[in-house]
Amino acid sequence: MLPTPTRLFSTPARGSNSGSGSVVRDPLVKAWVLERANGPCEACDQPAPFIGADSFTFLEVHHLRRLADNGSDRPENAVAVCPNCHRRLHFSENTHTYRETLYGKVSELVCE
């Protein structure tokens, strides 16, 4: 069991299970992943681009196996990445290869 993160957000979960295609996300997963990263992007290792309004470093959480494809909403399926790496994970021509490198970089990840 993962310890309760010290960085917990009061942001409500996005989406719903109403058939619209969006999935409710657990805010604890976001907090755990961001705490695990501890500041730098887990993909490029660069510092977060800025400090957010919440006084924490700004990184985005990306699920390696999409929730829409039955990926789990667990820290073992998510990484904290800078906005550039997040876009690269979604839109680059080598998305699959780039995603696979993260399994070697972040030991807590489990390929689903």
N, C-alpha and C. Protein backbone atom coordinates (compact mmCIF):
# COMPACT_ATOMS: atom_id res chain seq x y z
N MET A 1 0.84 -1.19 0.00
CA MET A 1 0.00 0.00 0.00
C MET A 1 0.88 1.24 0.00
N LEU A 2 0.57 2.17 -0.85
CA LEU A 2 1.32 3.41 -0.91
C LEU A 2 0.96 4.31 0.26
N PRO A 3 1.93 5.03 0.80
CA PRO A 3 1.62 5.97 1.88
C PRO A 3 0.80 7.14 1.34
N THR A 4 0.06 7.78 2.22
CA THR A 4 -0.71 8.95 1.82
C THR A 4 0.24 10.05 1.39
N PRO A 5 0.06 10.60 0.20
CA PRO A 5 0.97 11.65 -0.26
C PRO A 5 0.79 12.93 0.54
N THR A 6 1.89 13.65 0.70
CA THR A 6 1.82 14.93 1.39
C THR A 6 1.28 16.00 0.46
N ARG A 7 1.31 15.74 -0.81
CA ARG A 7 0.85 16.69 -1.82
C ARG A 7 -0.51 16.21 -2.34
N LEU A 8 -1.56 16.60 -1.67
CA LEU A 8 -2.90 16.16 -2.05
C LEU A 8 -3.69 17.34 -2.57
N PHE A 9 -4.36 17.14 -3.65
CA PHE A 9 -5.10 18.23 -4.29
C PHE A 9 -6.57 18.15 -3.95
N SER A 10 -7.21 19.29 -3.88
CA SER A 10 -8.64 19.34 -3.62
C SER A 10 -9.43 19.40 -4.92
N THR A 11 -8.74 19.23 -6.04
CA THR A 11 -9.41 19.27 -7.34
C THR A 11 -10.34 18.07 -7.48
N PRO A 12 -11.58 18.29 -7.88
CA PRO A 12 -12.49 17.16 -8.06
C PRO A 12 -12.07 16.29 -9.24
N ALA A 13 -12.44 15.03 -9.20
CA ALA A 13 -12.15 14.12 -10.30
C ALA A 13 -12.88 14.61 -11.55
N ARG A 14 -12.24 14.46 -12.72
CA ARG A 14 -12.85 14.89 -13.97
C ARG A 14 -13.63 13.74 -14.57
N GLY A 15 -14.59 14.10 -15.39
CA GLY A 15 -15.30 13.10 -16.16
C GLY A 15 -16.42 12.45 -15.38
N SER A 16 -17.01 11.45 -16.00
CA SER A 16 -18.10 10.71 -15.37
C SER A 16 -18.17 9.36 -16.04
N ASN A 17 -18.99 8.52 -15.52
CA ASN A 17 -19.20 7.21 -16.14
C ASN A 17 -20.56 7.19 -16.84
N SER A 18 -20.95 8.29 -17.42
CA SER A 18 -22.27 8.42 -18.04
C SER A 18 -22.30 7.96 -19.49
N GLY A 19 -21.25 7.30 -19.94
CA GLY A 19 -21.22 6.83 -21.31
C GLY A 19 -20.64 7.83 -22.29
N SER A 20 -20.15 8.94 -21.81
CA SER A 20 -19.60 9.96 -22.69
C SER A 20 -18.18 9.66 -23.12
N GLY A 21 -17.59 8.61 -22.59
CA GLY A 21 -16.23 8.26 -22.95
C GLY A 21 -15.20 8.74 -21.95
N SER A 22 -15.57 9.65 -21.06
CA SER A 22 -14.62 10.11 -20.05
C SER A 22 -14.69 9.21 -18.83
N VAL A 23 -13.60 9.21 -18.07
CA VAL A 23 -13.47 8.31 -16.93
C VAL A 23 -13.16 9.13 -15.69
N VAL A 24 -13.78 8.78 -14.57
CA VAL A 24 -13.48 9.46 -13.32
C VAL A 24 -12.09 9.06 -12.87
N ARG A 25 -11.28 10.05 -12.50
CA ARG A 25 -9.91 9.79 -12.06
C ARG A 25 -9.81 9.99 -10.56
N ASP A 26 -8.97 9.19 -9.93
CA ASP A 26 -8.74 9.29 -8.49
C ASP A 26 -7.73 10.39 -8.22
N PRO A 27 -8.09 11.44 -7.48
CA PRO A 27 -7.13 12.53 -7.22
C PRO A 27 -5.91 12.07 -6.42
N LEU A 28 -6.03 10.97 -5.68
CA LEU A 28 -4.87 10.45 -4.95
C LEU A 28 -3.80 9.93 -5.91
N VAL A 29 -4.21 9.37 -7.03
CA VAL A 29 -3.24 8.87 -8.01
C VAL A 29 -2.41 10.04 -8.53
N LYS A 30 -3.06 11.13 -8.86
CA LYS A 30 -2.34 12.32 -9.32
C LYS A 30 -1.35 12.77 -8.26
N ALA A 31 -1.79 12.83 -7.01
CA ALA A 31 -0.92 13.28 -5.93
C ALA A 31 0.28 12.35 -5.75
N TRP A 32 0.05 11.04 -5.79
CA TRP A 32 1.15 10.08 -5.63
C TRP A 32 2.17 10.22 -6.76
N VAL A 33 1.68 10.32 -7.99
CA VAL A 33 2.58 10.39 -9.14
C VAL A 33 3.41 11.67 -9.10
N LEU A 34 2.78 12.79 -8.78
CA LEU A 34 3.52 14.05 -8.70
C LEU A 34 4.52 14.04 -7.56
N GLU A 35 4.16 13.41 -6.45
CA GLU A 35 5.11 13.33 -5.33
C GLU A 35 6.28 12.41 -5.68
N ARG A 36 6.00 11.32 -6.39
CA ARG A 36 7.07 10.40 -6.81
C ARG A 36 8.07 11.14 -7.69
N ALA A 37 7.59 11.97 -8.60
CA ALA A 37 8.49 12.71 -9.50
C ALA A 37 9.34 13.71 -8.73
N ASN A 38 8.78 14.30 -7.71
CA ASN A 38 9.51 15.21 -6.82
C ASN A 38 10.14 16.40 -7.56
N GLY A 39 9.46 16.90 -8.58
CA GLY A 39 9.94 18.11 -9.25
C GLY A 39 10.25 17.99 -10.71
N PRO A 40 11.22 17.17 -11.12
CA PRO A 40 11.54 17.11 -12.55
C PRO A 40 10.58 16.20 -13.33
N CYS A 41 10.54 16.43 -14.63
CA CYS A 41 9.76 15.60 -15.54
C CYS A 41 10.33 14.18 -15.52
N GLU A 42 9.47 13.18 -15.42
CA GLU A 42 9.95 11.79 -15.39
C GLU A 42 10.37 11.31 -16.77
N ALA A 43 10.07 12.05 -17.82
CA ALA A 43 10.48 11.66 -19.17
C ALA A 43 11.81 12.28 -19.57
N CYS A 44 11.93 13.60 -19.47
CA CYS A 44 13.15 14.28 -19.95
C CYS A 44 14.09 14.70 -18.81
N ASP A 45 13.67 14.53 -17.57
CA ASP A 45 14.48 14.86 -16.38
C ASP A 45 14.74 16.36 -16.21
N GLN A 46 14.09 17.20 -17.00
CA GLN A 46 14.24 18.64 -16.85
C GLN A 46 13.34 19.14 -15.72
N PRO A 47 13.72 20.25 -15.08
CA PRO A 47 12.85 20.81 -14.03
C PRO A 47 11.48 21.17 -14.60
N ALA A 48 10.48 21.11 -13.76
CA ALA A 48 9.14 21.54 -14.18
C ALA A 48 9.23 22.96 -14.72
N PRO A 49 8.41 23.31 -15.71
CA PRO A 49 8.56 24.61 -16.37
C PRO A 49 8.25 25.82 -15.50
N PHE A 50 7.45 25.64 -14.45
CA PHE A 50 7.12 26.76 -13.57
C PHE A 50 6.48 26.23 -12.29
N ILE A 51 6.31 27.11 -11.33
CA ILE A 51 5.61 26.80 -10.09
C ILE A 51 4.16 27.19 -10.29
N GLY A 52 3.25 26.27 -9.99
CA GLY A 52 1.83 26.54 -10.17
C GLY A 52 1.25 27.43 -9.08
N ALA A 53 0.00 27.82 -9.25
CA ALA A 53 -0.70 28.66 -8.28
C ALA A 53 -0.80 27.98 -6.92
N ASP A 54 -0.68 26.64 -6.90
CA ASP A 54 -0.75 25.89 -5.63
C ASP A 54 0.61 25.82 -4.94
N SER A 55 1.62 26.52 -5.48
CA SER A 55 2.99 26.58 -4.94
C SER A 55 3.80 25.31 -5.16
N PHE A 56 3.31 24.41 -6.00
CA PHE A 56 4.05 23.20 -6.34
C PHE A 56 4.55 23.30 -7.78
N THR A 57 5.57 22.50 -8.10
CA THR A 57 6.07 22.47 -9.47
C THR A 57 4.96 21.97 -10.39
N PHE A 58 4.89 22.52 -11.59
CA PHE A 58 3.83 22.17 -12.53
C PHE A 58 4.26 21.04 -13.45
N LEU A 59 3.65 19.89 -13.27
CA LEU A 59 3.80 18.75 -14.18
C LEU A 59 2.41 18.19 -14.44
N GLU A 60 2.26 17.48 -15.55
CA GLU A 60 0.99 16.87 -15.91
C GLU A 60 1.10 15.36 -15.74
N VAL A 61 0.02 14.73 -15.34
CA VAL A 61 0.02 13.28 -15.16
C VAL A 61 -0.52 12.63 -16.43
N HIS A 62 0.25 11.67 -16.95
CA HIS A 62 -0.12 10.96 -18.17
C HIS A 62 -0.22 9.47 -17.87
N HIS A 63 -1.35 8.86 -18.26
CA HIS A 63 -1.52 7.41 -18.11
C HIS A 63 -0.90 6.73 -19.33
N LEU A 64 0.03 5.81 -19.09
CA LEU A 64 0.73 5.16 -20.21
C LEU A 64 -0.21 4.28 -21.02
N ARG A 65 -1.06 3.52 -20.35
CA ARG A 65 -2.14 2.83 -21.07
C ARG A 65 -3.39 3.65 -20.79
N ARG A 66 -3.97 4.18 -21.84
CA ARG A 66 -5.11 5.08 -21.70
C ARG A 66 -6.24 4.46 -20.89
N LEU A 67 -6.87 5.29 -20.07
CA LEU A 67 -8.01 4.83 -19.29
C LEU A 67 -9.13 4.38 -20.23
N ALA A 68 -9.27 5.04 -21.37
CA ALA A 68 -10.28 4.67 -22.35
C ALA A 68 -10.01 3.29 -22.95
N ASP A 69 -8.76 2.82 -22.86
CA ASP A 69 -8.39 1.49 -23.35
C ASP A 69 -8.27 0.50 -22.19
N ASN A 70 -9.00 0.76 -21.12
CA ASN A 70 -9.01 -0.09 -19.93
C ASN A 70 -7.71 -0.07 -19.15
N GLY A 71 -6.93 0.99 -19.30
CA GLY A 71 -5.76 1.16 -18.45
C GLY A 71 -6.21 1.48 -17.03
N SER A 72 -5.39 1.13 -16.06
CA SER A 72 -5.78 1.37 -14.67
C SER A 72 -5.43 2.79 -14.25
N ASP A 73 -6.22 3.32 -13.33
CA ASP A 73 -5.95 4.63 -12.74
C ASP A 73 -5.16 4.38 -11.47
N ARG A 74 -3.90 3.99 -11.67
CA ARG A 74 -2.99 3.67 -10.56
C ARG A 74 -1.64 4.32 -10.83
N PRO A 75 -0.88 4.60 -9.77
CA PRO A 75 0.44 5.20 -9.97
C PRO A 75 1.36 4.36 -10.85
N GLU A 76 1.15 3.06 -10.88
CA GLU A 76 1.99 2.16 -11.67
C GLU A 76 1.73 2.29 -13.17
N ASN A 77 0.71 3.05 -13.55
CA ASN A 77 0.36 3.26 -14.95
C ASN A 77 0.43 4.73 -15.34
N ALA A 78 1.07 5.55 -14.52
CA ALA A 78 1.07 6.99 -14.79
C ALA A 78 2.43 7.61 -14.51
N VAL A 79 2.74 8.65 -15.27
CA VAL A 79 3.99 9.39 -15.09
C VAL A 79 3.68 10.88 -14.99
N ALA A 80 4.58 11.60 -14.32
CA ALA A 80 4.49 13.06 -14.21
C ALA A 80 5.43 13.65 -15.25
N VAL A 81 4.87 14.39 -16.19
CA VAL A 81 5.67 14.90 -17.30
C VAL A 81 5.42 16.39 -17.53
N CYS A 82 6.41 17.05 -18.12
CA CYS A 82 6.26 18.46 -18.49
C CYS A 82 5.29 18.54 -19.67
N PRO A 83 4.73 19.72 -19.93
CA PRO A 83 3.79 19.85 -21.04
C PRO A 83 4.36 19.40 -22.39
N ASN A 84 5.64 19.67 -22.66
CA ASN A 84 6.22 19.25 -23.94
C ASN A 84 6.26 17.73 -24.06
N CYS A 85 6.72 17.06 -23.01
CA CYS A 85 6.78 15.59 -23.06
C CYS A 85 5.38 14.99 -23.10
N HIS A 86 4.42 15.64 -22.44
CA HIS A 86 3.05 15.15 -22.48
C HIS A 86 2.52 15.18 -23.91
N ARG A 87 2.77 16.28 -24.63
CA ARG A 87 2.34 16.35 -26.02
C ARG A 87 3.08 15.32 -26.87
N ARG A 88 4.35 15.13 -26.58
CA ARG A 88 5.14 14.13 -27.33
C ARG A 88 4.55 12.74 -27.13
N LEU A 89 4.12 12.43 -25.90
CA LEU A 89 3.53 11.12 -25.63
C LEU A 89 2.21 10.93 -26.38
N HIS A 90 1.53 12.00 -26.70
CA HIS A 90 0.26 11.90 -27.42
C HIS A 90 0.40 12.02 -28.93
N PHE A 91 1.31 12.86 -29.41
CA PHE A 91 1.26 13.25 -30.81
C PHE A 91 2.51 12.99 -31.65
N SER A 92 3.61 12.54 -31.07
CA SER A 92 4.83 12.38 -31.87
C SER A 92 4.74 11.13 -32.75
N GLU A 93 5.58 11.11 -33.77
CA GLU A 93 5.59 9.95 -34.67
C GLU A 93 6.17 8.71 -33.99
N ASN A 94 6.92 8.90 -32.89
CA ASN A 94 7.50 7.75 -32.18
C ASN A 94 6.90 7.59 -30.78
N THR A 95 5.60 7.87 -30.67
CA THR A 95 4.92 7.81 -29.37
C THR A 95 5.15 6.47 -28.67
N HIS A 96 4.98 5.37 -29.40
CA HIS A 96 5.11 4.04 -28.78
C HIS A 96 6.52 3.83 -28.22
N THR A 97 7.53 4.15 -29.00
CA THR A 97 8.92 3.98 -28.56
C THR A 97 9.22 4.86 -27.36
N TYR A 98 8.77 6.11 -27.41
CA TYR A 98 9.01 7.05 -26.31
C TYR A 98 8.35 6.55 -25.02
N ARG A 99 7.11 6.06 -25.15
CA ARG A 99 6.40 5.52 -23.98
C ARG A 99 7.16 4.32 -23.41
N GLU A 100 7.65 3.45 -24.25
CA GLU A 100 8.35 2.25 -23.78
C GLU A 100 9.62 2.61 -23.01
N THR A 101 10.30 3.70 -23.36
CA THR A 101 11.51 4.08 -22.63
C THR A 101 11.20 4.44 -21.18
N LEU A 102 9.98 4.91 -20.94
CA LEU A 102 9.61 5.30 -19.57
C LEU A 102 9.55 4.11 -18.62
N TYR A 103 9.21 2.93 -19.14
CA TYR A 103 9.18 1.74 -18.28
C TYR A 103 10.58 1.42 -17.76
N GLY A 104 11.60 1.75 -18.52
CA GLY A 104 12.97 1.54 -18.06
C GLY A 104 13.48 2.63 -17.14
N LYS A 105 12.89 3.82 -17.23
CA LYS A 105 13.34 4.96 -16.42
C LYS A 105 12.68 5.02 -15.05
N VAL A 106 11.40 4.67 -14.97
CA VAL A 106 10.64 4.80 -13.72
C VAL A 106 10.34 3.40 -13.20
N SER A 107 11.07 2.99 -12.18
CA SER A 107 11.01 1.60 -11.72
C SER A 107 9.64 1.18 -11.21
N GLU A 108 8.83 2.11 -10.76
CA GLU A 108 7.52 1.76 -10.21
C GLU A 108 6.48 1.43 -11.28
N LEU A 109 6.77 1.74 -12.54
CA LEU A 109 5.80 1.50 -13.60
C LEU A 109 5.65 0.02 -13.91
N VAL A 110 4.42 -0.37 -14.23
CA VAL A 110 4.12 -1.74 -14.62
C VAL A 110 3.41 -1.68 -15.97
N CYS A 111 3.94 -2.37 -16.96
CA CYS A 111 3.34 -2.38 -18.29
C CYS A 111 2.02 -3.13 -18.25
N GLU A 112 0.99 -2.50 -18.75
CA GLU A 112 -0.35 -3.14 -18.77
C GLU A 112 -0.69 -3.58 -20.18
